Protein backbone atom coordinates (compact mmCIF):
# COMPACT_ATOMS: atom_id res chain seq x y z
CA MET A 1 -9.12 -5.75 9.35
CA LYS A 2 -5.96 -3.88 9.79
CA ILE A 3 -4.95 -1.67 6.94
CA GLU A 4 -1.14 -0.29 6.97
CA PHE A 5 0.10 2.54 4.99
CA LEU A 6 4.14 2.66 4.53
CA TYR A 7 5.84 5.48 2.95
CA PHE A 8 8.77 7.88 3.36
CA GLU A 9 8.72 11.49 3.40
CA GLY A 10 9.91 13.15 0.45
CA CYS A 11 8.18 10.45 -1.64
CA PRO A 12 6.23 12.27 -4.59
CA TYR A 13 3.54 9.61 -4.56
CA TYR A 14 2.54 8.64 -1.42
CA GLN A 15 -0.06 11.24 -0.85
CA THR A 16 -1.78 10.32 -4.18
CA ALA A 17 -1.84 6.84 -2.85
CA LEU A 18 -3.24 8.02 0.67
CA ARG A 19 -6.27 9.98 -0.97
CA ASN A 20 -6.87 7.07 -3.28
CA LEU A 21 -6.87 4.74 -0.07
CA GLU A 22 -9.12 7.35 1.91
CA GLN A 23 -11.44 8.03 -1.15
CA VAL A 24 -12.10 3.87 -1.61
CA LEU A 25 -12.87 3.88 2.13
CA GLU A 26 -15.37 6.41 2.17
CA GLU A 27 -17.08 4.92 -0.91
CA GLU A 28 -17.13 1.75 0.51
CA LYS A 29 -18.12 2.94 3.78
CA ILE A 30 -15.41 1.00 5.52
CA GLY A 31 -14.68 2.70 8.93
CA ILE A 32 -11.20 1.20 9.80
CA PRO A 33 -8.45 3.53 10.79
CA VAL A 34 -5.34 3.38 8.80
CA ASP A 35 -2.04 2.70 10.66
CA MET A 36 0.65 5.25 9.28
CA VAL A 37 3.98 3.71 9.25
CA ARG A 38 6.60 6.38 8.35
CA ILE A 39 9.97 4.40 7.24
CA GLU A 40 12.96 6.50 7.90
CA SER A 41 16.03 4.16 7.69
CA GLN A 42 17.20 1.39 5.62
CA GLU A 43 17.05 -0.85 8.78
CA GLN A 44 13.40 0.19 9.31
CA ALA A 45 12.59 -0.69 5.91
CA LEU A 46 14.31 -4.28 6.48
CA ARG A 47 12.30 -4.54 9.63
CA ASN A 48 9.01 -3.75 8.08
CA LYS A 49 9.42 -5.75 4.71
CA PHE A 50 9.28 -2.54 2.98
CA LEU A 51 9.19 -2.75 -0.89
CA GLY A 52 8.74 0.94 -1.38
CA SER A 53 6.97 4.03 -1.01
CA PRO A 54 4.02 4.11 -1.03
CA THR A 55 3.03 0.44 0.36
CA ILE A 56 -0.34 -0.59 1.15
CA ARG A 57 -1.36 -3.79 3.28
CA ILE A 58 -4.34 -5.27 4.37
CA ASN A 59 -4.26 -7.73 7.21
CA GLY A 60 -0.49 -8.14 6.43
CA GLN A 61 -0.71 -8.85 2.95
CA ASP A 62 0.66 -6.25 0.03
CA ILE A 63 -2.61 -4.82 -1.88
CA GLU A 64 -0.54 -6.21 -4.99
CA PRO A 65 -0.89 -9.92 -5.37
CA GLY A 66 2.00 -10.19 -7.73
CA VAL A 67 4.90 -8.42 -5.29
CA ARG A 68 3.44 -10.72 -2.13
CA ASP A 69 6.55 -13.02 -2.46
CA LEU A 70 9.25 -10.50 -3.12
CA LYS A 71 12.00 -9.79 -0.76
CA ASP A 72 13.77 -6.68 -2.39
CA PHE A 73 13.02 -4.40 0.80
CA SER A 74 14.76 -0.72 0.45
CA MET A 75 13.98 2.95 0.86
CA ARG A 76 12.88 3.61 -2.67
CA CYS A 77 9.73 4.84 -4.66
CA ARG A 78 7.69 2.07 -5.56
CA LEU A 79 5.75 1.84 -9.22
CA TYR A 80 2.80 -0.10 -9.63
CA SER A 81 2.10 -1.82 -12.99
CA GLU A 82 -1.84 -2.04 -13.82
CA ALA A 83 -3.68 -2.62 -17.27
CA GLY A 84 -0.55 -1.80 -19.17
CA SER A 85 0.34 1.40 -17.32
CA ILE A 86 3.06 2.22 -14.63
CA THR A 87 2.24 4.84 -12.00
CA GLY A 88 3.80 5.62 -8.75
CA TRP A 89 0.87 4.92 -6.90
CA PRO A 90 -1.95 2.19 -6.76
CA SER A 91 -5.40 2.92 -8.38
CA LYS A 92 -8.60 2.96 -6.50
CA ASP A 93 -9.70 -0.22 -8.31
CA LEU A 94 -6.69 -2.20 -7.01
CA ILE A 95 -7.22 -0.92 -3.38
CA ARG A 96 -10.95 -1.92 -3.56
CA HIS A 97 -10.05 -5.30 -5.09
CA ALA A 98 -7.71 -6.06 -1.96
CA LEU A 99 -10.22 -5.14 0.49
CA LYS A 100 -12.76 -7.39 -1.01
CA GLU A 101 -9.76 -10.09 -1.22
CA ALA A 102 -9.47 -9.44 2.26
CA TYR A 103 -13.15 -9.46 3.55
CA GLU A 104 -13.76 -12.76 1.57
CA GLN A 105 -10.46 -14.51 3.82
CA ILE A 106 -12.35 -13.43 7.07
C-alpha cells in the first residue's frame, strides 16, 4: 500500500490533516510510511495532479471519492465537505474509510 500526502508550505490546514492521518495510522496499527510530497509550483501541481493542499492519496486514489474525476489541478487550499460541514482538512473518519476501501481492493 502506498500513502501520499501532498501539500504546500504555508497552507494553514496541512498540519491538521497530517496529524489526523498519523493518528488513524496509529489507531489502526498500520505501519506504512507516508510519502510526503511538497508542491512548490503550478507546474509541479499539474504534474502531480494536485487538487489542493492538503491532499491524501492511497494507492493513487484520492481519499475523497467524489473528486477522483476532477482535473482542476492547481496551487490552492483545498476544502473537504463531510456531513454538511466544510473544513480545510479530511476527518479521521474519511481517512479511515479510504484505508478500509484500499485494503478491500487488495
